[in-house]
N, C-alpha and C. Protein backbone atom coordinates (compact mmCIF):
# COMPACT_ATOMS: atom_id res chain seq x y z
N MET A 1 -21.88 -4.34 -22.01
CA MET A 1 -21.02 -2.50 -22.47
C MET A 1 -19.74 -2.35 -21.81
N ALA A 2 -18.90 -1.84 -22.35
CA ALA A 2 -17.78 -1.48 -21.40
C ALA A 2 -17.93 -0.69 -19.92
N ASP A 3 -17.26 -1.89 -18.94
CA ASP A 3 -17.44 -0.50 -18.00
C ASP A 3 -16.82 0.66 -17.79
N GLU A 4 -15.78 1.21 -18.81
CA GLU A 4 -15.42 2.41 -18.94
C GLU A 4 -16.64 3.48 -19.30
N LYS A 5 -17.32 2.92 -19.95
CA LYS A 5 -18.46 4.14 -20.90
C LYS A 5 -19.43 4.76 -19.10
N VAL A 6 -19.94 2.74 -18.92
CA VAL A 6 -20.78 2.70 -18.02
C VAL A 6 -20.47 3.78 -16.52
N LYS A 7 -18.87 4.46 -16.53
CA LYS A 7 -17.89 4.85 -15.58
C LYS A 7 -18.38 6.44 -15.81
N GLY A 8 -17.74 6.55 -16.99
CA GLY A 8 -18.29 7.62 -18.07
C GLY A 8 -20.06 8.45 -17.37
N ILE A 9 -20.63 7.70 -17.31
CA ILE A 9 -21.94 8.02 -16.97
C ILE A 9 -22.33 8.10 -15.45
N VAL A 10 -21.85 7.38 -15.78
CA VAL A 10 -21.83 7.79 -13.29
C VAL A 10 -21.20 8.85 -13.09
N LEU A 11 -20.21 9.63 -13.73
CA LEU A 11 -19.19 10.71 -13.48
C LEU A 11 -19.92 12.20 -14.17
N ASP A 12 -20.66 11.75 -15.83
CA ASP A 12 -21.62 12.70 -16.06
C ASP A 12 -22.60 13.41 -15.08
N ILE A 13 -22.88 12.19 -14.23
CA ILE A 13 -24.54 12.31 -13.57
C ILE A 13 -23.67 12.81 -12.19
N ILE A 14 -22.93 12.35 -11.76
CA ILE A 14 -22.35 13.11 -10.63
C ILE A 14 -22.11 14.64 -10.99
N ALA A 15 -21.64 15.11 -11.75
CA ALA A 15 -21.12 16.35 -12.21
C ALA A 15 -22.21 16.94 -12.23
N THR A 16 -23.80 16.55 -13.04
CA THR A 16 -24.83 17.15 -13.36
C THR A 16 -24.89 17.70 -11.40
N VAL A 17 -25.07 16.54 -10.67
CA VAL A 17 -25.89 16.40 -9.30
C VAL A 17 -24.67 17.50 -8.00
N ALA A 18 -24.08 17.29 -8.34
CA ALA A 18 -23.09 17.75 -7.96
C ALA A 18 -21.47 18.37 -8.22
N PRO A 19 -22.07 19.97 -8.85
CA PRO A 19 -21.74 20.19 -9.51
C PRO A 19 -19.94 21.01 -9.14
N ASP A 20 -19.93 20.58 -7.57
CA ASP A 20 -18.56 21.15 -7.08
C ASP A 20 -17.69 19.89 -6.60
N ALA A 21 -17.92 19.00 -6.72
CA ALA A 21 -17.50 17.66 -6.46
C ALA A 21 -16.46 17.52 -7.85
N ASP A 22 -15.40 17.07 -6.68
CA ASP A 22 -13.96 17.06 -8.27
C ASP A 22 -13.77 15.50 -8.60
N ILE A 23 -14.81 15.30 -10.43
CA ILE A 23 -14.50 13.96 -10.77
C ILE A 23 -13.00 13.76 -10.76
N SER A 24 -12.22 14.11 -11.80
CA SER A 24 -10.96 14.13 -12.09
C SER A 24 -10.23 12.96 -11.73
N ASP A 25 -10.12 12.44 -9.85
CA ASP A 25 -9.49 11.65 -9.74
C ASP A 25 -9.49 10.80 -9.04
N VAL A 26 -10.99 9.47 -9.11
CA VAL A 26 -12.24 9.22 -8.74
C VAL A 26 -11.37 7.76 -8.73
N ASP A 27 -10.49 7.17 -8.02
CA ASP A 27 -10.86 5.67 -7.04
C ASP A 27 -11.88 4.67 -7.39
N PRO A 28 -11.60 4.04 -8.76
CA PRO A 28 -12.69 3.30 -8.93
C PRO A 28 -12.87 2.42 -8.13
N ALA A 29 -12.00 1.83 -7.40
CA ALA A 29 -12.62 1.20 -6.22
C ALA A 29 -12.97 1.52 -4.63
N LYS A 30 -12.55 2.69 -4.80
CA LYS A 30 -13.65 3.64 -3.32
C LYS A 30 -14.76 3.66 -3.23
N ARG A 31 -15.11 4.17 -2.40
CA ARG A 31 -16.48 4.56 -2.60
C ARG A 31 -16.81 5.82 -2.80
N LEU A 32 -17.67 5.96 -3.53
CA LEU A 32 -18.13 7.38 -4.06
C LEU A 32 -18.73 8.44 -2.94
N ARG A 33 -19.07 8.27 -2.64
CA ARG A 33 -19.85 9.45 -1.25
C ARG A 33 -18.38 9.37 -0.31
N ASP A 34 -16.87 8.50 0.18
CA ASP A 34 -16.14 9.14 0.74
C ASP A 34 -14.91 10.00 0.24
N GLN A 35 -14.89 10.17 -1.73
CA GLN A 35 -14.73 10.38 -2.30
C GLN A 35 -14.52 11.82 -2.71
N LEU A 36 -15.39 12.20 -2.61
CA LEU A 36 -16.40 13.16 -2.94
C LEU A 36 -17.39 13.91 -1.91
N ASP A 37 -17.49 13.33 -0.96
CA ASP A 37 -18.48 14.03 -0.35
C ASP A 37 -20.28 14.77 -0.40
N LEU A 38 -20.38 13.25 -1.39
CA LEU A 38 -21.68 13.19 -1.46
C LEU A 38 -22.59 12.73 -0.05
N ASP A 39 -23.77 13.72 0.26
CA ASP A 39 -24.42 12.68 0.78
C ASP A 39 -25.71 12.27 0.41
N SER A 40 -26.86 11.45 1.33
CA SER A 40 -27.49 10.68 0.85
C SER A 40 -28.40 11.70 -0.19
N MET A 41 -28.65 12.93 -0.12
CA MET A 41 -29.57 13.48 -0.87
C MET A 41 -28.93 13.41 -2.48
N ASP A 42 -27.55 14.21 -2.41
CA ASP A 42 -26.77 14.09 -4.29
C ASP A 42 -27.09 12.14 -4.05
N PHE A 43 -26.73 11.30 -3.38
CA PHE A 43 -26.82 9.62 -4.01
C PHE A 43 -28.48 10.06 -4.83
N LEU A 44 -29.88 10.01 -4.09
CA LEU A 44 -30.94 10.05 -4.35
C LEU A 44 -31.24 11.07 -5.62
N ASP A 45 -30.04 12.14 -5.94
CA ASP A 45 -30.62 12.74 -7.06
C ASP A 45 -29.66 11.89 -7.66
N ILE A 46 -29.07 10.92 -7.83
CA ILE A 46 -28.21 10.72 -9.19
C ILE A 46 -28.80 9.29 -9.21
N VAL A 47 -29.54 8.06 -8.42
CA VAL A 47 -31.01 7.61 -9.13
C VAL A 47 -31.49 8.00 -9.92
N MET A 48 -32.46 9.56 -9.45
CA MET A 48 -33.54 9.45 -10.10
C MET A 48 -32.79 10.23 -11.67
N GLU A 49 -31.48 10.24 -11.24
CA GLU A 49 -30.98 10.70 -12.65
C GLU A 49 -31.13 10.03 -14.10
N LEU A 50 -30.28 7.96 -13.48
CA LEU A 50 -30.20 7.78 -14.14
C LEU A 50 -31.81 7.12 -14.19
N ARG A 51 -33.17 6.92 -13.72
CA ARG A 51 -34.56 6.59 -13.47
C ARG A 51 -35.02 7.96 -14.94
N LYS A 52 -34.35 9.20 -14.65
CA LYS A 52 -34.43 10.00 -15.52
C LYS A 52 -34.29 10.14 -17.47
N ARG A 53 -32.36 9.70 -16.93
CA ARG A 53 -31.58 10.07 -18.62
C ARG A 53 -32.12 8.84 -19.00
N TYR A 54 -31.81 7.48 -18.35
CA TYR A 54 -31.87 5.97 -19.46
C TYR A 54 -32.41 5.14 -18.99
N LYS A 55 -33.62 5.16 -18.24
CA LYS A 55 -35.02 4.56 -17.59
C LYS A 55 -34.10 3.44 -17.08
N VAL A 56 -33.43 3.42 -15.62
CA VAL A 56 -32.99 2.17 -14.51
C VAL A 56 -33.87 2.57 -13.56
N GLU A 57 -34.10 1.78 -13.06
CA GLU A 57 -34.69 1.14 -11.89
C GLU A 57 -33.22 1.10 -11.31
N VAL A 58 -33.70 1.74 -9.76
CA VAL A 58 -32.83 1.07 -8.99
C VAL A 58 -33.43 1.06 -7.47
N PRO A 59 -33.74 -0.50 -7.30
CA PRO A 59 -34.36 -0.92 -6.26
C PRO A 59 -33.66 -0.08 -4.82
N LYS A 60 -34.57 0.19 -3.95
CA LYS A 60 -33.16 0.29 -2.61
C LYS A 60 -32.74 -0.32 -2.14
N GLU A 61 -33.81 -1.25 -1.58
CA GLU A 61 -32.62 -2.21 -1.44
C GLU A 61 -30.87 -3.10 -1.71
N ASP A 62 -30.79 -1.89 -3.32
CA ASP A 62 -30.32 -1.90 -4.32
C ASP A 62 -28.93 -1.21 -3.99
N TYR A 63 -29.20 0.11 -3.47
CA TYR A 63 -28.46 1.05 -3.67
C TYR A 63 -26.78 0.86 -3.78
N PRO A 64 -26.66 -0.19 -1.84
CA PRO A 64 -25.39 -0.76 -1.28
C PRO A 64 -24.20 -1.23 -2.92
N ARG A 65 -24.74 -1.52 -3.93
CA ARG A 65 -24.29 -1.97 -5.11
C ARG A 65 -23.68 -0.75 -5.90
N LEU A 66 -24.38 0.95 -6.08
CA LEU A 66 -24.07 2.11 -6.27
C LEU A 66 -21.94 2.00 -6.12
N GLU A 67 -21.69 1.75 -4.62
CA GLU A 67 -20.77 1.98 -3.52
C GLU A 67 -20.05 2.81 -4.40
N SER A 68 -18.87 2.20 -5.79
CA SER A 68 -18.06 2.37 -6.23
C SER A 68 -17.89 2.29 -7.41
N LEU A 69 -17.71 3.82 -8.02
CA LEU A 69 -16.94 4.10 -9.35
C LEU A 69 -17.34 1.61 -10.78
N ASP A 70 -16.30 0.88 -9.50
CA ASP A 70 -16.47 -0.34 -10.23
C ASP A 70 -17.63 -0.67 -9.43
N SER A 71 -19.13 -1.28 -8.86
CA SER A 71 -19.10 -1.60 -8.35
C SER A 71 -20.64 -0.77 -9.28
N CYS A 72 -20.64 0.30 -9.59
CA CYS A 72 -21.37 0.43 -10.34
C CYS A 72 -21.55 0.27 -11.66
N ALA A 73 -20.14 0.10 -12.36
CA ALA A 73 -20.00 0.00 -13.39
C ALA A 73 -20.89 -1.86 -13.77
N GLU A 74 -20.53 -3.16 -12.56
CA GLU A 74 -20.76 -4.20 -12.49
C GLU A 74 -22.25 -4.18 -12.27
N TYR A 75 -23.01 -2.96 -12.17
CA TYR A 75 -24.60 -3.49 -11.10
C TYR A 75 -25.14 -2.77 -12.50
N LEU A 76 -24.75 -1.49 -12.91
CA LEU A 76 -25.05 -0.88 -14.55
C LEU A 76 -25.46 -1.27 -15.74
N GLY A 77 -24.56 -1.94 -15.93
CA GLY A 77 -23.85 -2.20 -16.80
C GLY A 77 -24.80 -3.13 -17.73
N PRO A 78 -25.56 -4.18 -17.24
CA PRO A 78 -26.80 -4.62 -17.89
C PRO A 78 -27.55 -3.48 -18.35
N LYS A 79 -27.40 -3.23 -17.44
CA LYS A 79 -29.47 -2.35 -17.43
C LYS A 79 -29.39 -1.78 -18.29
N LEU A 80 -27.93 -0.95 -18.90
CA LEU A 80 -27.91 0.27 -19.14
C LEU A 80 -27.59 -0.53 -20.92
N GLU A 81 -27.01 -1.07 -20.92
CA GLU A 81 -26.97 -2.38 -22.29
C GLU A 81 -27.88 -2.14 -23.63
N ALA A 82 -29.66 -2.25 -22.63
CA ALA A 82 -30.10 -2.77 -23.66
C ALA A 82 -30.42 -1.33 -24.33
N HIS A 83 -30.80 -0.09 -23.01
CA HIS A 83 -30.67 0.85 -23.35
C HIS A 83 -30.14 2.08 -24.67
N LEU A 84 -28.76 1.88 -24.20
CA LEU A 84 -27.42 2.44 -25.78
C LEU A 84 -27.44 1.29 -26.58
N THR A 85 -27.55 0.28 -26.70
CA THR A 85 -27.22 0.15 -27.60
C THR A 85 -28.92 -0.14 -28.71
N SER A 86 -29.75 0.36 -28.34
CA SER A 86 -30.98 0.73 -28.70
C SER A 86 -30.91 1.73 -29.93
């Protein structure tokens, strides 16, 4: 799956979970929590939305792999591939 599509999915979820976050100028290499002032509850809500919308399970030990948009694309790309191509 194209990285840009995964990044769009993540940004869409962030816009839903944290509607006050300005996602218009996110640096894909920097930590999302720092750029968007997301707290731990926002982050958990993002993980829950991934599960709800796309049936993607993210174990707690993998949370650090969702640190930036780039790392989200790398980690979630293969997991979302099956869901979005079916």
